[in-house]
Amino acid sequence: MLFSRYEDRLKYARRSGTKGVLVTGAFTGLYLFVVFSSMGLVFWYGTNLVIEEKVTPGTVFAVFWAVMGGAMRLGQALPQVGTIIAAKLAAGDIFQIINIVCLSQKYLGEFETFL
């Protein structure tokens, strides 16, 4: 009897958790597919360039790791763009308030001579 009233909530939590895990798994799989596919494409193309003696194997590895490192850093930086935009919008409101305070002090200074 005690647990029966929580049974519906537990079923809802289980369904929500299962959906969340499935979505997370799908997007993680998609992300890893793109990463490993791009790795395979880069090494395939790099191997062709090495066979044709246009570049050295060291150049292929250097370019590969430079591009992968840059892409990872860009991926880590992109979520912060929303925070930066929100800060800029908030700064605009703050500067408007500061300007209002400055104007009121300007007029206050004119009336201080009468006090």
PDB file of N, CA and C in Angstrom:
ATOM      1  N   MET A   1       0.824  -1.203   0.000  1.00  0.00           N
ATOM      2  CA  MET A   1       0.000   0.000   0.000  1.00  0.00           C
ATOM      3  C   MET A   1       0.863   1.260   0.000  1.00  0.00           C
ATOM      4  N   LEU A   2       1.923   1.234   0.763  1.00  0.00           N
ATOM      5  CA  LEU A   2       2.776   2.414   0.878  1.00  0.00           C
ATOM      6  C   LEU A   2       3.451   2.744  -0.442  1.00  0.00           C
ATOM      7  N   PHE A   3       3.906   1.718  -1.149  1.00  0.00           N
ATOM      8  CA  PHE A   3       4.637   1.954  -2.387  1.00  0.00           C
ATOM      9  C   PHE A   3       3.732   2.098  -3.602  1.00  0.00           C
ATOM     10  N   SER A   4       2.486   1.723  -3.495  1.00  0.00           N
ATOM     11  CA  SER A   4       1.604   1.750  -4.668  1.00  0.00           C
ATOM     12  C   SER A   4       1.353   3.174  -5.163  1.00  0.00           C
ATOM     13  N   ARG A   5       1.366   4.151  -4.281  1.00  0.00           N
ATOM     14  CA  ARG A   5       1.103   5.516  -4.731  1.00  0.00           C
ATOM     15  C   ARG A   5       2.288   6.125  -5.475  1.00  0.00           C
ATOM     16  N   TYR A   6       3.450   5.540  -5.314  1.00  0.00           N
ATOM     17  CA  TYR A   6       4.628   6.017  -6.032  1.00  0.00           C
ATOM     18  C   TYR A   6       4.891   5.239  -7.322  1.00  0.00           C
ATOM     19  N   GLU A   7       4.096   4.213  -7.557  1.00  0.00           N
ATOM     20  CA  GLU A   7       4.331   3.339  -8.701  1.00  0.00           C
ATOM     21  C   GLU A   7       4.229   4.094 -10.032  1.00  0.00           C
ATOM     22  N   ASP A   8       3.236   4.976 -10.170  1.00  0.00           N
ATOM     23  CA  ASP A   8       3.102   5.750 -11.411  1.00  0.00           C
ATOM     24  C   ASP A   8       4.304   6.664 -11.620  1.00  0.00           C
ATOM     25  N   ARG A   9       4.762   7.278 -10.551  1.00  0.00           N
ATOM     26  CA  ARG A   9       5.931   8.165 -10.655  1.00  0.00           C
ATOM     27  C   ARG A   9       7.179   7.382 -11.051  1.00  0.00           C
ATOM     28  N   LEU A  10       7.315   6.192 -10.524  1.00  0.00           N
ATOM     29  CA  LEU A  10       8.469   5.365 -10.864  1.00  0.00           C
ATOM     30  C   LEU A  10       8.417   4.927 -12.321  1.00  0.00           C
ATOM     31  N   LYS A  11       7.229   4.603 -12.819  1.00  0.00           N
ATOM     32  CA  LYS A  11       7.093   4.224 -14.228  1.00  0.00           C
ATOM     33  C   LYS A  11       7.448   5.403 -15.129  1.00  0.00           C
ATOM     34  N   TYR A  12       6.981   6.603 -14.771  1.00  0.00           N
ATOM     35  CA  TYR A  12       7.297   7.796 -15.557  1.00  0.00           C
ATOM     36  C   TYR A  12       8.803   8.069 -15.548  1.00  0.00           C
ATOM     37  N   ALA A  13       9.415   7.940 -14.385  1.00  0.00           N
ATOM     38  CA  ALA A  13      10.861   8.170 -14.289  1.00  0.00           C
ATOM     39  C   ALA A  13      11.633   7.148 -15.116  1.00  0.00           C
ATOM     40  N   ARG A  14      11.179   5.904 -15.102  1.00  0.00           N
ATOM     41  CA  ARG A  14      11.851   4.866 -15.884  1.00  0.00           C
ATOM     42  C   ARG A  14      11.733   5.156 -17.380  1.00  0.00           C
ATOM     43  N   ARG A  15      10.535   5.545 -17.834  1.00  0.00           N
ATOM     44  CA  ARG A  15      10.355   5.877 -19.257  1.00  0.00           C
ATOM     45  C   ARG A  15      11.210   7.082 -19.651  1.00  0.00           C
ATOM     46  N   SER A  16      11.230   8.100 -18.809  1.00  0.00           N
ATOM     47  CA  SER A  16      12.027   9.294 -19.114  1.00  0.00           C
ATOM     48  C   SER A  16      13.506   8.964 -19.161  1.00  0.00           C
ATOM     49  N   GLY A  17      13.964   8.178 -18.210  1.00  0.00           N
ATOM     50  CA  GLY A  17      15.368   7.787 -18.186  1.00  0.00           C
ATOM     51  C   GLY A  17      15.753   6.961 -19.394  1.00  0.00           C
ATOM     52  N   THR A  18      14.869   6.050 -19.784  1.00  0.00           N
ATOM     53  CA  THR A  18      15.147   5.211 -20.951  1.00  0.00           C
ATOM     54  C   THR A  18      15.221   6.050 -22.219  1.00  0.00           C
ATOM     55  N   LYS A  19      14.293   6.994 -22.381  1.00  0.00           N
ATOM     56  CA  LYS A  19      14.324   7.868 -23.555  1.00  0.00           C
ATOM     57  C   LYS A  19      15.597   8.708 -23.567  1.00  0.00           C
ATOM     58  N   GLY A  20      15.974   9.238 -22.409  1.00  0.00           N
ATOM     59  CA  GLY A  20      17.181  10.058 -22.334  1.00  0.00           C
ATOM     60  C   GLY A  20      18.432   9.284 -22.690  1.00  0.00           C
ATOM     61  N   VAL A  21      18.502   8.055 -22.215  1.00  0.00           N
ATOM     62  CA  VAL A  21      19.668   7.222 -22.516  1.00  0.00           C
ATOM     63  C   VAL A  21      19.714   6.879 -24.001  1.00  0.00           C
ATOM     64  N   LEU A  22      18.567   6.596 -24.591  1.00  0.00           N
ATOM     65  CA  LEU A  22      18.531   6.283 -26.023  1.00  0.00           C
ATOM     66  C   LEU A  22      18.960   7.481 -26.871  1.00  0.00           C
ATOM     67  N   VAL A  23      18.487   8.660 -26.527  1.00  0.00           N
ATOM     68  CA  VAL A  23      18.867   9.861 -27.277  1.00  0.00           C
ATOM     69  C   VAL A  23      20.357  10.141 -27.110  1.00  0.00           C
ATOM     70  N   THR A  24      20.844  10.045 -25.882  1.00  0.00           N
ATOM     71  CA  THR A  24      22.270  10.267 -25.635  1.00  0.00           C
ATOM     72  C   THR A  24      23.114   9.256 -26.389  1.00  0.00           C
ATOM     73  N   GLY A  25      22.706   8.005 -26.365  1.00  0.00           N
ATOM     74  CA  GLY A  25      23.438   6.965 -27.087  1.00  0.00           C
ATOM     75  C   GLY A  25      23.434   7.192 -28.589  1.00  0.00           C
ATOM     76  N   ALA A  26      22.297   7.614 -29.124  1.00  0.00           N
ATOM     77  CA  ALA A  26      22.213   7.859 -30.572  1.00  0.00           C
ATOM     78  C   ALA A  26      23.135   8.997 -30.986  1.00  0.00           C
ATOM     79  N   PHE A  27      23.125  10.095 -30.238  1.00  0.00           N
ATOM     80  CA  PHE A  27      23.977  11.223 -30.603  1.00  0.00           C
ATOM     81  C   PHE A  27      25.452  10.938 -30.351  1.00  0.00           C
ATOM     82  N   THR A  28      25.757  10.160 -29.326  1.00  0.00           N
ATOM     83  CA  THR A  28      27.146   9.765 -29.111  1.00  0.00           C
ATOM     84  C   THR A  28      27.623   8.884 -30.255  1.00  0.00           C
ATOM     85  N   GLY A  29      26.779   7.953 -30.684  1.00  0.00           N
ATOM     86  CA  GLY A  29      27.128   7.108 -31.823  1.00  0.00           C
ATOM     87  C   GLY A  29      27.317   7.907 -33.096  1.00  0.00           C
ATOM     88  N   LEU A  30      26.446   8.884 -33.328  1.00  0.00           N
ATOM     89  CA  LEU A  30      26.584   9.743 -34.506  1.00  0.00           C
ATOM     90  C   LEU A  30      27.883  10.544 -34.449  1.00  0.00           C
ATOM     91  N   TYR A  31      28.191  11.091 -33.286  1.00  0.00           N
ATOM     92  CA  TYR A  31      29.426  11.859 -33.107  1.00  0.00           C
ATOM     93  C   TYR A  31      30.650  10.987 -33.383  1.00  0.00           C
ATOM     94  N   LEU A  32      30.682   9.807 -32.797  1.00  0.00           N
ATOM     95  CA  LEU A  32      31.832   8.927 -33.001  1.00  0.00           C
ATOM     96  C   LEU A  32      31.916   8.444 -34.447  1.00  0.00           C
ATOM     97  N   PHE A  33      30.776   8.231 -35.091  1.00  0.00           N
ATOM     98  CA  PHE A  33      30.785   7.862 -36.506  1.00  0.00           C
ATOM     99  C   PHE A  33      31.435   8.956 -37.343  1.00  0.00           C
ATOM    100  N   VAL A  34      31.073  10.197 -37.088  1.00  0.00           N
ATOM    101  CA  VAL A  34      31.659  11.312 -37.837  1.00  0.00           C
ATOM    102  C   VAL A  34      33.152  11.416 -37.559  1.00  0.00           C
ATOM    103  N   VAL A  35      33.551  11.280 -36.300  1.00  0.00           N
ATOM    104  CA  VAL A  35      34.974  11.387 -35.948  1.00  0.00           C
ATOM    105  C   VAL A  35      35.776  10.287 -36.623  1.00  0.00           C
ATOM    106  N   PHE A  36      35.339   9.048 -36.490  1.00  0.00           N
ATOM    107  CA  PHE A  36      36.116   7.943 -37.051  1.00  0.00           C
ATOM    108  C   PHE A  36      36.045   7.912 -38.575  1.00  0.00           C
ATOM    109  N   SER A  37      34.924   8.333 -39.143  1.00  0.00           N
ATOM    110  CA  SER A  37      34.844   8.416 -40.606  1.00  0.00           C
ATOM    111  C   SER A  37      35.805   9.465 -41.139  1.00  0.00           C
ATOM    112  N   SER A  38      35.862  10.605 -40.467  1.00  0.00           N
ATOM    113  CA  SER A  38      36.797  11.642 -40.916  1.00  0.00           C
ATOM    114  C   SER A  38      38.236  11.191 -40.734  1.00  0.00           C
ATOM    115  N   MET A  39      38.522  10.456 -39.674  1.00  0.00           N
ATOM    116  CA  MET A  39      39.874   9.910 -39.496  1.00  0.00           C
ATOM    117  C   MET A  39      40.223   8.977 -40.649  1.00  0.00           C
ATOM    118  N   GLY A  40      39.308   8.088 -40.981  1.00  0.00           N
ATOM    119  CA  GLY A  40      39.554   7.163 -42.082  1.00  0.00           C
ATOM    120  C   GLY A  40      39.742   7.878 -43.403  1.00  0.00           C
ATOM    121  N   LEU A  41      38.925   8.887 -43.656  1.00  0.00           N
ATOM    122  CA  LEU A  41      39.043   9.652 -44.894  1.00  0.00           C
ATOM    123  C   LEU A  41      40.383  10.386 -44.964  1.00  0.00           C
ATOM    124  N   VAL A  42      40.782  10.994 -43.853  1.00  0.00           N
ATOM    125  CA  VAL A  42      42.057  11.725 -43.833  1.00  0.00           C
ATOM    126  C   VAL A  42      43.223  10.776 -44.055  1.00  0.00           C
ATOM    127  N   PHE A  43      43.217   9.636 -43.390  1.00  0.00           N
ATOM    128  CA  PHE A  43      44.329   8.701 -43.569  1.00  0.00           C
ATOM    129  C   PHE A  43      44.326   8.084 -44.967  1.00  0.00           C
ATOM    130  N   TRP A  44      43.156   7.842 -45.533  1.00  0.00           N
ATOM    131  CA  TRP A  44      43.092   7.324 -46.898  1.00  0.00           C
ATOM    132  C   TRP A  44      43.657   8.341 -47.880  1.00  0.00           C
ATOM    133  N   TYR A  45      43.203   9.588 -47.767  1.00  0.00           N
ATOM    134  CA  TYR A  45      43.684  10.628 -48.673  1.00  0.00           C
ATOM    135  C   TYR A  45      45.174  10.895 -48.440  1.00  0.00           C
ATOM    136  N   GLY A  46      45.583  10.920 -47.167  1.00  0.00           N
ATOM    137  CA  GLY A  46      46.999  11.118 -46.861  1.00  0.00           C
ATOM    138  C   GLY A  46      47.867  10.003 -47.412  1.00  0.00           C
ATOM    139  N   THR A  47      47.377   8.772 -47.341  1.00  0.00           N
ATOM    140  CA  THR A  47      48.119   7.642 -47.901  1.00  0.00           C
ATOM    141  C   THR A  47      48.272   7.791 -49.411  1.00  0.00           C
ATOM    142  N   ASN A  48      47.212   8.225 -50.072  1.00  0.00           N
ATOM    143  CA  ASN A  48      47.310   8.464 -51.519  1.00  0.00           C
ATOM    144  C   ASN A  48      48.348   9.536 -51.837  1.00  0.00           C
ATOM    145  N   LEU A  49      48.388  10.589 -51.040  1.00  0.00           N
ATOM    146  CA  LEU A  49      49.378  11.644 -51.270  1.00  0.00           C
ATOM    147  C   LEU A  49      50.796  11.144 -51.014  1.00  0.00           C
ATOM    148  N   VAL A  50      50.963  10.283 -50.009  1.00  0.00           N
ATOM    149  CA  VAL A  50      52.291   9.725 -49.725  1.00  0.00           C
ATOM    150  C   VAL A  50      52.719   8.796 -50.852  1.00  0.00           C
ATOM    151  N   ILE A  51      51.797   7.973 -51.352  1.00  0.00           N
ATOM    152  CA  ILE A  51      52.121   7.059 -52.452  1.00  0.00           C
ATOM    153  C   ILE A  51      52.534   7.841 -53.696  1.00  0.00           C
ATOM    154  N   GLU A  52      51.857   8.962 -53.945  1.00  0.00           N
ATOM    155  CA  GLU A  52      52.202   9.795 -55.098  1.00  0.00           C
ATOM    156  C   GLU A  52      53.424  10.673 -54.830  1.00  0.00           C
ATOM    157  N   GLU A  53      53.992  10.550 -53.630  1.00  0.00           N
ATOM    158  CA  GLU A  53      55.178  11.292 -53.191  1.00  0.00           C
ATOM    159  C   GLU A  53      54.973  12.805 -53.237  1.00  0.00           C
ATOM    160  N   LYS A  54      53.773  13.247 -52.909  1.00  0.00           N
ATOM    161  CA  LYS A  54      53.500  14.682 -52.827  1.00  0.00           C
ATOM    162  C   LYS A  54      53.785  15.221 -51.431  1.00  0.00           C
ATOM    163  N   VAL A  55      53.612  14.375 -50.416  1.00  0.00           N
ATOM    164  CA  VAL A  55      53.904  14.756 -49.034  1.00  0.00           C
ATOM    165  C   VAL A  55      54.580  13.583 -48.340  1.00  0.00           C
ATOM    166  N   THR A  56      55.126  13.879 -47.152  1.00  0.00           N
ATOM    167  CA  THR A  56      55.752  12.821 -46.353  1.00  0.00           C
ATOM    168  C   THR A  56      54.739  12.293 -45.341  1.00  0.00           C
ATOM    169  N   PRO A  57      54.969  11.091 -44.810  1.00  0.00           N
ATOM    170  CA  PRO A  57      54.057  10.577 -43.777  1.00  0.00           C
ATOM    171  C   PRO A  57      54.005  11.481 -42.545  1.00  0.00           C
ATOM    172  N   GLY A  58      55.133  12.091 -42.214  1.00  0.00           N
ATOM    173  CA  GLY A  58      55.143  13.003 -41.066  1.00  0.00           C
ATOM    174  C   GLY A  58      54.220  14.195 -41.263  1.00  0.00           C
ATOM    175  N   THR A  59      54.171  14.691 -42.478  1.00  0.00           N
ATOM    176  CA  THR A  59      53.276  15.815 -42.778  1.00  0.00           C
ATOM    177  C   THR A  59      51.822  15.399 -42.641  1.00  0.00           C
ATOM    178  N   VAL A  60      51.512  14.195 -43.089  1.00  0.00           N
ATOM    179  CA  VAL A  60      50.131  13.704 -42.970  1.00  0.00           C
ATOM    180  C   VAL A  60      49.731  13.626 -41.499  1.00  0.00           C
ATOM    181  N   PHE A  61      50.594  13.061 -40.660  1.00  0.00           N
ATOM    182  CA  PHE A  61      50.277  12.948 -39.236  1.00  0.00           C
ATOM    183  C   PHE A  61      50.196  14.318 -38.572  1.00  0.00           C
ATOM    184  N   ALA A  62      51.105  15.222 -38.929  1.00  0.00           N
ATOM    185  CA  ALA A  62      51.085  16.557 -38.327  1.00  0.00           C
ATOM    186  C   ALA A  62      49.800  17.303 -38.671  1.00  0.00           C
ATOM    187  N   VAL A  63      49.415  17.256 -39.931  1.00  0.00           N
ATOM    188  CA  VAL A  63      48.186  17.936 -40.347  1.00  0.00           C
ATOM    189  C   VAL A  63      46.975  17.273 -39.705  1.00  0.00           C
ATOM    190  N   PHE A  64      46.975  15.948 -39.654  1.00  0.00           N
ATOM    191  CA  PHE A  64      45.854  15.228 -39.051  1.00  0.00           C
ATOM    192  C   PHE A  64      45.652  15.656 -37.605  1.00  0.00           C
ATOM    193  N   TRP A  65      46.717  15.632 -36.807  1.00  0.00           N
ATOM    194  CA  TRP A  65      46.574  15.964 -35.391  1.00  0.00           C
ATOM    195  C   TRP A  65      46.283  17.441 -35.172  1.00  0.00           C
ATOM    196  N   ALA A  66      46.800  18.301 -36.040  1.00  0.00           N
ATOM    197  CA  ALA A  66      46.488  19.727 -35.926  1.00  0.00           C
ATOM    198  C   ALA A  66      45.004  19.982 -36.184  1.00  0.00           C
ATOM    199  N   VAL A  67      44.472  19.357 -37.220  1.00  0.00           N
ATOM    200  CA  VAL A  67      43.056  19.545 -37.543  1.00  0.00           C
ATOM    201  C   VAL A  67      42.171  18.921 -36.467  1.00  0.00           C
ATOM    202  N   MET A  68      42.513  17.730 -36.010  1.00  0.00           N
ATOM    203  CA  MET A  68      41.707  17.080 -34.970  1.00  0.00           C
ATOM    204  C   MET A  68      41.736  17.886 -33.674  1.00  0.00           C
ATOM    205  N   GLY A  69      42.913  18.365 -33.295  1.00  0.00           N
ATOM    206  CA  GLY A  69      43.014  19.176 -32.080  1.00  0.00           C
ATOM    207  C   GLY A  69      42.219  20.462 -32.192  1.00  0.00           C
ATOM    208  N   GLY A  70      42.314  21.126 -33.337  1.00  0.00           N
ATOM    209  CA  GLY A  70      41.551  22.352 -33.538  1.00  0.00           C
ATOM    210  C   GLY A  70      40.055  22.113 -33.521  1.00  0.00           C
ATOM    211  N   ALA A  71      39.618  21.033 -34.131  1.00  0.00           N
ATOM    212  CA  ALA A  71      38.187  20.712 -34.149  1.00  0.00           C
ATOM    213  C   ALA A  71      37.679  20.404 -32.746  1.00  0.00           C
ATOM    214  N   MET A  72      38.483  19.701 -31.960  1.00  0.00           N
ATOM    215  CA  MET A  72      38.066  19.395 -30.587  1.00  0.00           C
ATOM    216  C   MET A  72      37.981  20.662 -29.748  1.00  0.00           C
ATOM    217  N   ARG A  73      38.950  21.550 -29.897  1.00  0.00           N
ATOM    218  CA  ARG A  73      38.928  22.803 -29.129  1.00  0.00           C
ATOM    219  C   ARG A  73      37.753  23.677 -29.550  1.00  0.00           C
ATOM    220  N   LEU A  74      37.473  23.701 -30.839  1.00  0.00           N
ATOM    221  CA  LEU A  74      36.327  24.465 -31.322  1.00  0.00           C
ATOM    222  C   LEU A  74      35.031  23.879 -30.769  1.00  0.00           C
ATOM    223  N   GLY A  75      34.950  22.563 -30.734  1.00  0.00           N
ATOM    224  CA  GLY A  75      33.771  21.914 -30.170  1.00  0.00           C
ATOM    225  C   GLY A  75      33.587  22.216 -28.694  1.00  0.00           C
ATOM    226  N   GLN A  76      34.684  22.386 -27.968  1.00  0.00           N
ATOM    227  CA  GLN A  76      34.595  22.739 -26.555  1.00  0.00           C
ATOM    228  C   GLN A  76      34.253  24.209 -26.363  1.00  0.00           C
ATOM    229  N   ALA A  77      34.624  25.049 -27.316  1.00  0.00           N
ATOM    230  CA  ALA A  77      34.391  26.485 -27.180  1.00  0.00           C
ATOM    231  C   ALA A  77      32.989  26.898 -27.610  1.00  0.00           C
ATOM    232  N   LEU A  78      32.381  26.177 -28.524  1.00  0.00           N
ATOM    233  CA  LEU A  78      31.079  26.587 -29.061  1.00  0.00           C
ATOM    234  C   LEU A  78      29.977  26.724 -28.008  1.00  0.00           C
ATOM    235  N   PRO A  79      29.889  25.844 -27.001  1.00  0.00           N
ATOM    236  CA  PRO A  79      28.826  26.039 -26.008  1.00  0.00           C
ATOM    237  C   PRO A  79      28.948  27.355 -25.240  1.00  0.00           C
ATOM    238  N   GLN A  80      30.138  27.936 -25.208  1.00  0.00           N
ATOM    239  CA  GLN A  80      30.332  29.179 -24.471  1.00  0.00           C
ATOM    240  C   GLN A  80      29.840  30.399 -25.240  1.00  0.00           C
ATOM    241  N   VAL A  81      29.575  30.249 -26.523  1.00  0.00           N
ATOM    242  CA  VAL A  81      29.122  31.384 -27.332  1.00  0.00           C
ATOM    243  C   VAL A  81      27.792  31.921 -26.799  1.00  0.00           C
ATOM    244  N   GLY A  82      26.898  31.044 -26.407  1.00  0.00           N
ATOM    245  CA  GLY A  82      25.619  31.477 -25.841  1.00  0.00           C
ATOM    246  C   GLY A  82      25.804  32.284 -24.572  1.00  0.00           C
ATOM    247  N   THR A  83      26.755  31.886 -23.746  1.00  0.00           N
ATOM    248  CA  THR A  83      27.041  32.616 -22.518  1.00  0.00           C
ATOM    249  C   THR A  83      27.588  34.002 -22.826  1.00  0.00           C
ATOM    250  N   ILE A  84      28.456  34.091 -23.810  1.00  0.00           N
ATOM    251  CA  ILE A  84      29.033  35.384 -24.185  1.00  0.00           C
ATOM    252  C   ILE A  84      27.952  36.316 -24.732  1.00  0.00           C
ATOM    253  N   ILE A  85      27.050  35.792 -25.542  1.00  0.00           N
ATOM    254  CA  ILE A  85      25.964  36.614 -26.084  1.00  0.00           C
ATOM    255  C   ILE A  85      25.046  37.097 -24.963  1.00  0.00           C
ATOM    256  N   ALA A  86      24.733  36.216 -24.013  1.00  0.00           N
ATOM    257  CA  ALA A  86      23.894  36.614 -22.881  1.00  0.00           C
ATOM    258  C   ALA A  86      24.578  37.696 -22.053  1.00  0.00           C
ATOM    259  N   ALA A  87      25.892  37.592 -21.878  1.00  0.00           N
ATOM    260  CA  ALA A  87      26.630  38.606 -21.124  1.00  0.00           C
ATOM    261  C   ALA A  87      26.612  39.949 -21.849  1.00  0.00           C
ATOM    262  N   LYS A  88      26.743  39.928 -23.169  1.00  0.00           N
ATOM    263  CA  LYS A  88      26.695  41.181 -23.931  1.00  0.00           C
ATOM    264  C   LYS A  88      25.319  41.836 -23.823  1.00  0.00           C
ATOM    265  N   LEU A  89      24.266  41.037 -23.868  1.00  0.00           N
ATOM    266  CA  LEU A  89      22.921  41.596 -23.732  1.00  0.00           C
ATOM    267  C   LEU A  89      22.717  42.186 -22.342  1.00  0.00           C
ATOM    268  N   ALA A  90      23.195  41.484 -21.321  1.00  0.00           N
ATOM    269  CA  ALA A  90      23.077  41.993 -19.957  1.00  0.00           C
ATOM    270  C   ALA A  90      23.899  43.261 -19.782  1.00  0.00           C
ATOM    271  N   ALA A  91      25.059  43.328 -20.414  1.00  0.00           N
ATOM    272  CA  ALA A  91      25.900  44.518 -20.307  1.00  0.00           C
ATOM    273  C   ALA A  91      25.188  45.727 -20.902  1.00  0.00           C
ATOM    274  N   GLY A  92      24.458  45.538 -21.983  1.00  0.00           N
ATOM    275  CA  GLY A  92      23.707  46.651 -22.569  1.00  0.00           C
ATOM    276  C   GLY A  92      22.695  47.216 -21.591  1.00  0.00           C
ATOM    277  N   ASP A  93      21.972  46.341 -20.888  1.00  0.00           N
ATOM    278  CA  ASP A  93      21.011  46.799 -19.882  1.00  0.00           C
ATOM    279  C   ASP A  93      21.713  47.516 -18.736  1.00  0.00           C
ATOM    280  N   ILE A  94      22.843  46.980 -18.312  1.00  0.00           N
ATOM    281  CA  ILE A  94      23.582  47.596 -17.208  1.00  0.00           C
ATOM    282  C   ILE A  94      24.085  48.980 -17.605  1.00  0.00           C
ATOM    283  N   PHE A  95      24.590  49.116 -18.821  1.00  0.00           N
ATOM    284  CA  PHE A  95      25.080  50.419 -19.268  1.00  0.00           C
ATOM    285  C   PHE A  95      23.944  51.431 -19.383  1.00  0.00           C
ATOM    286  N   GLN A  96      22.755  50.987 -19.757  1.00  0.00           N
ATOM    287  CA  GLN A  96      21.608  51.899 -19.782  1.00  0.00           C
ATOM    288  C   GLN A  96      21.297  52.408 -18.381  1.00  0.00           C
ATOM    289  N   ILE A  97      21.356  51.530 -17.392  1.00  0.00           N
ATOM    290  CA  ILE A  97      21.104  51.937 -16.004  1.00  0.00           C
ATOM    291  C   ILE A  97      22.184  52.903 -15.537  1.00  0.00           C
ATOM    292  N   ILE A  98      23.431  52.632 -15.872  1.00  0.00           N
ATOM    293  CA  ILE A  98      24.525  53.525 -15.483  1.00  0.00           C
ATOM    294  C   ILE A  98      24.322  54.902 -16.104  1.00  0.00           C
ATOM    295  N   ASN A  99      23.913  54.957 -17.359  1.00  0.00           N
ATOM    296  CA  ASN A  99      23.678  56.244 -18.010  1.00  0.00           C
ATOM    297  C   ASN A  99      22.546  57.010 -17.343  1.00  0.00           C
ATOM    298  N   ILE A 100      21.504  56.319 -16.910  1.00  0.00           N
ATOM    299  CA  ILE A 100      20.399  56.985 -16.219  1.00  0.00           C
ATOM    300  C   ILE A 100      20.889  57.567 -14.907  1.00  0.00           C
ATOM    301  N   VAL A 101      21.687  56.820 -14.160  1.00  0.00           N
ATOM    302  CA  VAL A 101      22.223  57.304 -12.889  1.00  0.00           C
ATOM    303  C   VAL A 101      23.115  58.512 -13.129  1.00  0.00           C
ATOM    304  N   CYS A 102      23.930  58.490 -14.169  1.00  0.00           N
ATOM    305  CA  CYS A 102      24.815  59.613 -14.468  1.00  0.00           C
ATOM    306  C   CYS A 102      24.007  60.860 -14.810  1.00  0.00           C
ATOM    307  N   LEU A 103      22.937  60.707 -15.566  1.00  0.00           N
ATOM    308  CA  LEU A 103      22.095  61.855 -15.903  1.00  0.00           C
ATOM    309  C   LEU A 103      21.433  62.431 -14.662  1.00  0.00           C
ATOM    310  N   SER A 104      20.962  61.573 -13.760  1.00  0.00           N
ATOM    311  CA  SER A 104      20.323  62.072 -12.545  1.00  0.00           C
ATOM    312  C   SER A 104      21.335  62.789 -11.666  1.00  0.00           C
ATOM    313  N   GLN A 105      22.567  62.333 -11.632  1.00  0.00           N
ATOM    314  CA  GLN A 105      23.594  63.027 -10.851  1.00  0.00           C
ATOM    315  C   GLN A 105      23.928  64.374 -11.477  1.00  0.00           C
ATOM    316  N   LYS A 106      23.870  64.453 -12.782  1.00  0.00           N
ATOM    317  CA  LYS A 106      24.137  65.712 -13.478  1.00  0.00           C
ATOM    318  C   LYS A 106      23.099  66.753 -13.072  1.00  0.00           C
ATOM    319  N   TYR A 107      21.821  66.355 -13.089  1.00  0.00           N
ATOM    320  CA  TYR A 107      20.773  67.295 -12.711  1.00  0.00           C
ATOM    321  C   TYR A 107      20.798  67.577 -11.218  1.00  0.00           C
ATOM    322  N   LEU A 108      21.189  66.601 -10.429  1.00  0.00           N
ATOM    323  CA  LEU A 108      21.291  66.808  -8.990  1.00  0.00           C
ATOM    324  C   LEU A 108      22.359  67.848  -8.692  1.00  0.00           C
ATOM    325  N   GLY A 109      23.441  67.814  -9.450  1.00  0.00           N
ATOM    326  CA  GLY A 109      24.510  68.789  -9.253  1.00  0.00           C
ATOM    327  C   GLY A 109      24.043  70.212  -9.512  1.00  0.00           C
ATOM    328  N   GLU A 110      23.112  70.421 -10.437  1.00  0.00           N
ATOM    329  CA  GLU A 110      22.607  71.756 -10.730  1.00  0.00           C
ATOM    330  C   GLU A 110      21.760  72.293  -9.587  1.00  0.00           C
ATOM    331  N   PHE A 111      21.050  71.403  -8.880  1.00  0.00           N
ATOM    332  CA  PHE A 111      20.159  71.854  -7.825  1.00  0.00           C
ATOM    333  C   PHE A 111      20.849  71.936  -6.471  1.00  0.00           C
ATOM    334  N   GLU A 112      22.054  71.460  -6.342  1.00  0.00           N
ATOM    335  CA  GLU A 112      22.748  71.525  -5.058  1.00  0.00           C
ATOM    336  C   GLU A 112      23.059  72.965  -4.664  1.00  0.00           C
ATOM    337  N   THR A 113      23.152  73.853  -5.613  1.00  0.00           N
ATOM    338  CA  THR A 113      23.470  75.247  -5.284  1.00  0.00           C
ATOM    339  C   THR A 113      22.333  75.915  -4.523  1.00  0.00           C
ATOM    340  N   PHE A 114      21.115  75.389  -4.661  1.00  0.00           N
ATOM    341  CA  PHE A 114      19.980  75.979  -3.963  1.00  0.00           C
ATOM    342  C   PHE A 114      19.869  75.474  -2.535  1.00  0.00           C
ATOM    343  N   LEU A 115      20.566  74.412  -2.189  1.00  0.00           N
ATOM    344  CA  LEU A 115      20.446  73.844  -0.841  1.00  0.00           C
ATOM    345  C   LEU A 115      21.271  74.555   0.134  1.00  0.00           C
TER     346      LEU A 115
END
